C-alpha cells in the first residue's frame, strides 16, 4: 500500500517475481533493490537494455511489453 492505495495483491512469490510497479519492486526483498537507468534498444528483432556500462538481452517473454518503449530511458 502506498498513499492509501493498494499497489499489488498476490502471493509472496508472485509479488517478488513480477512486481506491479517500481514502488513494489523497491519495497520487497532484503536487501532492497537497486535501480539502474537503461535505454531499451532493438536490433535484429531482439531488444536490449543498455547504458554506458551494461548491456543485457531482454527475454523474449518480456519483449512485447517493452517494445513500445524502444529508444526510451
Protein backbone atom coordinates (compact mmCIF):
# COMPACT_ATOMS: atom_id res chain seq x y z
CA UNK A 1 0.00 0.00 0.00
CA UNK A 2 1.23 3.48 -0.84
CA UNK A 3 -0.58 6.73 -0.02
CA UNK A 4 -3.71 4.75 0.88
CA UNK A 5 -3.81 2.86 -2.43
CA UNK A 6 -3.15 -0.85 -2.84
CA UNK A 7 -0.28 -1.30 -5.25
CA UNK A 8 -0.42 -5.07 -5.75
CA UNK A 9 -2.20 -8.15 -4.42
CA UNK A 10 -0.71 -11.61 -4.85
CA UNK A 11 1.19 -14.43 -3.23
CA UNK A 12 4.68 -13.63 -1.98
CA UNK A 13 6.23 -15.43 -4.96
CA UNK A 14 4.01 -13.59 -7.46
CA UNK A 15 4.81 -10.20 -5.95
CA UNK A 16 8.54 -10.95 -5.68
CA UNK A 17 8.80 -12.43 -9.17
CA UNK A 18 6.62 -9.94 -11.00
CA UNK A 19 6.21 -6.65 -9.11
CA UNK A 20 3.44 -4.43 -10.47
CA UNK A 21 5.48 -1.22 -10.42
CA UNK A 22 8.73 0.38 -9.27
CA UNK A 23 7.37 1.12 -5.80
CA UNK A 24 6.53 -2.55 -5.18
CA UNK A 25 9.88 -3.66 -6.61
CA UNK A 26 11.74 -1.28 -4.30
CA UNK A 27 9.70 -2.28 -1.27
CA UNK A 28 10.17 -6.06 -1.43
CA UNK A 29 13.32 -8.07 -0.91
CA UNK A 30 16.17 -7.91 1.50
CA UNK A 31 18.35 -6.05 0.91
CA UNK A 32 16.17 -3.66 -1.02
CA UNK A 33 16.56 -3.48 -4.79
CA UNK A 34 18.88 -1.18 -6.67
CA UNK A 35 17.65 0.52 -9.83
CA UNK A 36 19.76 1.24 -12.90
CA UNK A 37 18.62 3.61 -15.64
CA UNK A 38 18.82 1.98 -19.07
CA UNK A 39 17.66 2.60 -22.63
CA UNK A 40 15.70 -0.09 -24.46
CA UNK A 41 17.16 -0.68 -27.92
CA UNK A 42 16.07 -3.03 -30.67
CA UNK A 43 18.35 -4.66 -33.20
CA UNK A 44 17.82 -7.66 -35.49
CA UNK A 45 14.47 -8.44 -33.88
CA UNK A 46 15.89 -8.53 -30.34
CA UNK A 47 15.64 -5.98 -27.55
CA UNK A 48 18.43 -4.95 -25.19
CA UNK A 49 18.51 -2.87 -22.02
CA UNK A 50 21.73 -0.88 -22.02
CA UNK A 51 23.65 2.07 -20.65
CA UNK A 52 27.32 3.08 -20.66
CA UNK A 53 28.45 0.09 -18.55
CA UNK A 54 25.75 -2.54 -19.04
CA UNK A 55 24.17 -4.42 -21.95
CA UNK A 56 21.50 -7.06 -21.25
CA UNK A 57 19.32 -9.05 -23.65
CA UNK A 58 15.62 -8.72 -22.89
CA UNK A 59 13.98 -12.16 -22.59
CA UNK A 60 11.53 -12.94 -25.40
CA UNK A 61 8.73 -13.23 -22.83
CA UNK A 62 9.22 -9.53 -21.95
CA UNK A 63 9.97 -8.15 -25.41
CA UNK A 64 6.36 -7.47 -26.42
CA UNK A 65 5.66 -5.37 -23.32
CA UNK A 66 8.90 -3.36 -23.69
CA UNK A 67 8.87 -2.88 -27.49
CA UNK A 68 6.70 0.30 -27.35
CA UNK A 69 9.37 1.88 -25.13
CA UNK A 70 12.25 1.21 -27.53
CA UNK A 71 14.79 4.06 -27.63
CA UNK A 72 13.38 5.48 -24.38
CA UNK A 73 15.09 5.62 -20.99
